[in-house]
Amino acid sequence: MKKRVNIYISEDTSKRLKAYAEEKHSSVSQIITDWIWHARVGKRKPQN
């Protein structure tokens, strides 16, 4: 199940996220999801 999360970011950050997603042929949601599942969080190792 997916959950919607609203965040507040600057306009510049929004533009940068959209540009990065476009370069990767992906959506902003997907690049954020990919990032968090590869980032080290606590003592867990990132997934590859």
N, C-alpha and C. Protein backbone atom coordinates (compact mmCIF):
# COMPACT_ATOMS: atom_id res chain seq x y z
N MET A 1 0.84 -1.18 0.00
CA MET A 1 0.00 0.00 0.00
C MET A 1 0.89 1.25 0.00
N LYS A 2 0.53 2.22 -0.79
CA LYS A 2 1.27 3.47 -0.85
C LYS A 2 0.59 4.52 0.01
N LYS A 3 1.38 5.42 0.54
CA LYS A 3 0.86 6.50 1.37
C LYS A 3 1.37 7.82 0.83
N ARG A 4 0.52 8.78 0.76
CA ARG A 4 0.90 10.11 0.29
C ARG A 4 1.50 10.89 1.45
N VAL A 5 2.63 11.57 1.20
CA VAL A 5 3.30 12.38 2.19
C VAL A 5 3.56 13.75 1.57
N ASN A 6 3.14 14.79 2.25
CA ASN A 6 3.37 16.15 1.77
C ASN A 6 4.58 16.73 2.50
N ILE A 7 5.47 17.36 1.74
CA ILE A 7 6.62 18.04 2.32
C ILE A 7 6.66 19.45 1.76
N TYR A 8 7.30 20.33 2.49
CA TYR A 8 7.47 21.70 2.03
C TYR A 8 8.95 21.92 1.74
N ILE A 9 9.25 22.28 0.51
CA ILE A 9 10.61 22.54 0.08
C ILE A 9 10.63 23.84 -0.72
N SER A 10 11.82 24.38 -0.86
CA SER A 10 11.93 25.64 -1.62
C SER A 10 11.64 25.38 -3.09
N GLU A 11 11.33 26.44 -3.79
CA GLU A 11 11.07 26.33 -5.23
C GLU A 11 12.31 25.84 -5.97
N ASP A 12 13.48 26.30 -5.53
CA ASP A 12 14.72 25.85 -6.16
C ASP A 12 14.94 24.35 -5.97
N THR A 13 14.65 23.87 -4.78
CA THR A 13 14.79 22.43 -4.51
C THR A 13 13.81 21.64 -5.35
N SER A 14 12.60 22.14 -5.48
CA SER A 14 11.59 21.48 -6.30
C SER A 14 12.05 21.37 -7.75
N LYS A 15 12.56 22.46 -8.28
CA LYS A 15 13.05 22.46 -9.67
C LYS A 15 14.19 21.47 -9.84
N ARG A 16 15.10 21.45 -8.87
CA ARG A 16 16.25 20.54 -8.94
C ARG A 16 15.80 19.08 -8.89
N LEU A 17 14.86 18.76 -8.00
CA LEU A 17 14.34 17.39 -7.92
C LEU A 17 13.68 16.97 -9.23
N LYS A 18 12.88 17.87 -9.80
CA LYS A 18 12.20 17.56 -11.06
C LYS A 18 13.20 17.37 -12.20
N ALA A 19 14.23 18.22 -12.25
CA ALA A 19 15.25 18.10 -13.29
C ALA A 19 16.01 16.79 -13.15
N TYR A 20 16.35 16.43 -11.92
CA TYR A 20 17.08 15.18 -11.68
C TYR A 20 16.22 13.98 -12.07
N ALA A 21 14.95 14.01 -11.70
CA ALA A 21 14.04 12.92 -12.05
C ALA A 21 13.92 12.80 -13.57
N GLU A 22 13.82 13.93 -14.25
CA GLU A 22 13.72 13.90 -15.71
C GLU A 22 14.98 13.30 -16.33
N GLU A 23 16.15 13.68 -15.82
CA GLU A 23 17.41 13.12 -16.32
C GLU A 23 17.46 11.60 -16.15
N LYS A 24 16.88 11.12 -15.07
CA LYS A 24 16.90 9.68 -14.75
C LYS A 24 15.71 8.94 -15.36
N HIS A 25 14.88 9.67 -16.11
CA HIS A 25 13.66 9.09 -16.71
C HIS A 25 12.80 8.43 -15.64
N SER A 26 12.56 9.18 -14.58
CA SER A 26 11.82 8.67 -13.43
C SER A 26 10.92 9.77 -12.88
N SER A 27 10.24 9.46 -11.80
CA SER A 27 9.41 10.46 -11.13
C SER A 27 10.12 10.93 -9.87
N VAL A 28 9.72 12.07 -9.36
CA VAL A 28 10.28 12.58 -8.12
C VAL A 28 10.02 11.57 -7.00
N SER A 29 8.83 11.03 -6.94
CA SER A 29 8.53 10.03 -5.91
C SER A 29 9.47 8.84 -5.99
N GLN A 30 9.75 8.39 -7.20
CA GLN A 30 10.61 7.22 -7.36
C GLN A 30 12.05 7.52 -6.99
N ILE A 31 12.56 8.69 -7.33
CA ILE A 31 13.96 8.98 -6.98
C ILE A 31 14.12 9.14 -5.47
N ILE A 32 13.10 9.70 -4.80
CA ILE A 32 13.14 9.81 -3.34
C ILE A 32 13.08 8.41 -2.72
N THR A 33 12.21 7.56 -3.24
CA THR A 33 12.10 6.18 -2.75
C THR A 33 13.41 5.43 -2.95
N ASP A 34 14.00 5.54 -4.13
CA ASP A 34 15.27 4.87 -4.41
C ASP A 34 16.35 5.35 -3.44
N TRP A 35 16.40 6.66 -3.22
CA TRP A 35 17.40 7.22 -2.33
C TRP A 35 17.26 6.68 -0.91
N ILE A 36 16.06 6.71 -0.35
CA ILE A 36 15.90 6.32 1.06
C ILE A 36 16.18 4.85 1.28
N TRP A 37 15.93 4.01 0.29
CA TRP A 37 16.20 2.58 0.45
C TRP A 37 17.66 2.24 0.21
N HIS A 38 18.46 3.20 -0.25
CA HIS A 38 19.90 2.98 -0.40
C HIS A 38 20.71 3.78 0.62
N ALA A 39 20.06 4.63 1.38
CA ALA A 39 20.74 5.45 2.38
C ALA A 39 20.92 4.65 3.67
N ARG A 40 22.02 4.92 4.36
CA ARG A 40 22.24 4.29 5.66
C ARG A 40 21.31 4.99 6.67
N VAL A 41 20.50 4.19 7.35
CA VAL A 41 19.58 4.71 8.36
C VAL A 41 19.85 3.93 9.64
N GLY A 42 20.26 4.61 10.68
CA GLY A 42 20.59 3.93 11.93
C GLY A 42 21.75 2.98 11.72
N LYS A 43 21.63 1.77 12.23
CA LYS A 43 22.70 0.79 12.14
C LYS A 43 22.52 -0.18 11.00
N ARG A 44 21.43 -0.03 10.25
CA ARG A 44 21.16 -0.93 9.12
C ARG A 44 22.06 -0.60 7.96
N LYS A 45 22.50 -1.61 7.25
CA LYS A 45 23.28 -1.42 6.03
C LYS A 45 22.34 -1.09 4.89
N PRO A 46 22.79 -0.25 3.95
CA PRO A 46 21.94 0.05 2.79
C PRO A 46 21.72 -1.19 1.93
N GLN A 47 20.54 -1.26 1.32
CA GLN A 47 20.23 -2.37 0.43
C GLN A 47 20.79 -2.09 -0.95
N ASN A 48 21.27 -3.12 -1.62
CA ASN A 48 21.80 -2.95 -2.98
C ASN A 48 20.90 -3.56 -3.99
